[in-house]
Amino acid sequence: MHWQEVVDVGRSDAAAHRDRAVLERAGAARCTEEARTATDLDSELLWLMRALQQRSAAASNEIASEISDRIADHAERVLHAQQ
């Protein structure tokens, strides 16, 4: 196994997940604002559900970034132990 590659991919994946989480949170904020300005209850509920969906996606991406970082951390320890 190429441990340096595991480290690099893990860090890259973690950064990508964090970036997606930021975008999802921004999208959720936009949806929440749309819900506040909705002119009818059905539209308001639709925007709130969309905001909830995006917040959930952000949380999932944050967890994925932590897992990717842990994978990279472990690979880094293995790599340094071999040197």
Protein backbone atom coordinates (compact mmCIF):
# COMPACT_ATOMS: atom_id res chain seq x y z
CA MET A 1 0.00 0.00 0.00
CA HIS A 2 1.25 3.49 -0.80
CA TRP A 3 0.73 5.29 2.50
CA GLN A 4 1.68 8.72 1.19
CA GLU A 5 -1.06 8.40 -1.41
CA VAL A 6 -3.55 7.45 1.32
CA VAL A 7 -2.50 10.54 3.28
CA ASP A 8 -2.81 12.81 0.24
CA VAL A 9 -6.18 11.41 -0.86
CA GLY A 10 -7.53 11.54 2.69
CA ARG A 11 -6.58 15.20 3.12
CA SER A 12 -7.93 16.07 -0.33
CA ASP A 13 -11.21 14.27 0.35
CA ALA A 14 -11.54 15.96 3.74
CA ALA A 15 -11.06 19.40 2.17
CA ALA A 16 -13.60 18.64 -0.55
CA HIS A 17 -16.18 17.50 2.03
CA ARG A 18 -15.60 20.65 4.09
CA ASP A 19 -16.07 22.80 0.99
CA ARG A 20 -19.34 21.02 0.17
CA ALA A 21 -20.53 21.49 3.75
CA VAL A 22 -19.93 25.24 3.47
CA LEU A 23 -21.91 25.38 0.23
CA GLU A 24 -24.76 23.34 1.72
CA ARG A 25 -24.97 25.63 4.77
CA ALA A 26 -25.06 28.68 2.50
CA GLY A 27 -27.81 27.06 0.46
CA ALA A 28 -29.75 26.28 3.62
CA ALA A 29 -29.51 29.93 4.67
CA ARG A 30 -30.87 31.02 1.28
CA CYS A 31 -33.74 28.55 1.56
CA THR A 32 -34.54 29.78 5.06
CA GLU A 33 -34.69 33.34 3.76
CA GLU A 34 -36.99 32.23 0.94
CA ALA A 35 -39.25 30.60 3.53
CA ARG A 36 -39.40 33.84 5.51
CA THR A 37 -40.51 35.78 2.46
CA ALA A 38 -42.89 33.13 1.07
CA THR A 39 -46.35 34.38 0.27
CA ASP A 40 -48.19 31.17 1.13
CA LEU A 41 -47.88 28.31 3.58
CA ASP A 42 -47.15 25.67 0.96
CA SER A 43 -44.19 27.64 -0.40
CA GLU A 44 -42.93 28.34 3.09
CA LEU A 45 -43.03 24.64 3.98
CA LEU A 46 -41.30 23.69 0.76
CA TRP A 47 -38.44 26.12 1.43
CA LEU A 48 -38.13 24.99 5.04
CA MET A 49 -37.94 21.35 4.00
CA ARG A 50 -35.29 22.23 1.42
CA ALA A 51 -33.33 24.11 4.11
CA LEU A 52 -33.54 21.06 6.37
CA GLN A 53 -32.33 18.84 3.55
CA GLN A 54 -29.32 21.08 2.93
CA ARG A 55 -28.47 21.29 6.62
CA SER A 56 -28.56 17.51 6.76
CA ALA A 57 -26.24 17.31 3.74
CA ALA A 58 -23.86 19.78 5.42
CA ALA A 59 -23.75 17.66 8.57
CA SER A 60 -23.09 14.53 6.51
CA ASN A 61 -20.23 16.24 4.68
CA GLU A 62 -18.74 17.43 7.97
CA ILE A 63 -18.76 13.87 9.29
CA ALA A 64 -17.24 12.58 6.05
CA SER A 65 -14.46 15.17 6.34
CA GLU A 66 -13.67 13.98 9.88
CA ILE A 67 -13.50 10.37 8.71
CA SER A 68 -11.23 11.31 5.80
CA ASP A 69 -8.96 13.20 8.19
CA ARG A 70 -8.79 10.19 10.52
CA ILE A 71 -7.88 7.93 7.62
CA ALA A 72 -5.12 10.35 6.63
CA ASP A 73 -3.95 10.66 10.25
CA HIS A 74 -3.64 6.89 10.54
CA ALA A 75 -1.81 6.60 7.23
CA GLU A 76 0.55 9.35 8.33
CA ARG A 77 1.36 7.49 11.56
CA VAL A 78 2.02 4.29 9.61
CA LEU A 79 4.17 6.19 7.11
CA HIS A 80 6.27 7.83 9.82
CA ALA A 81 6.66 4.53 11.69
CA GLN A 82 8.15 2.99 8.56
CA GLN A 83 10.81 5.69 8.24
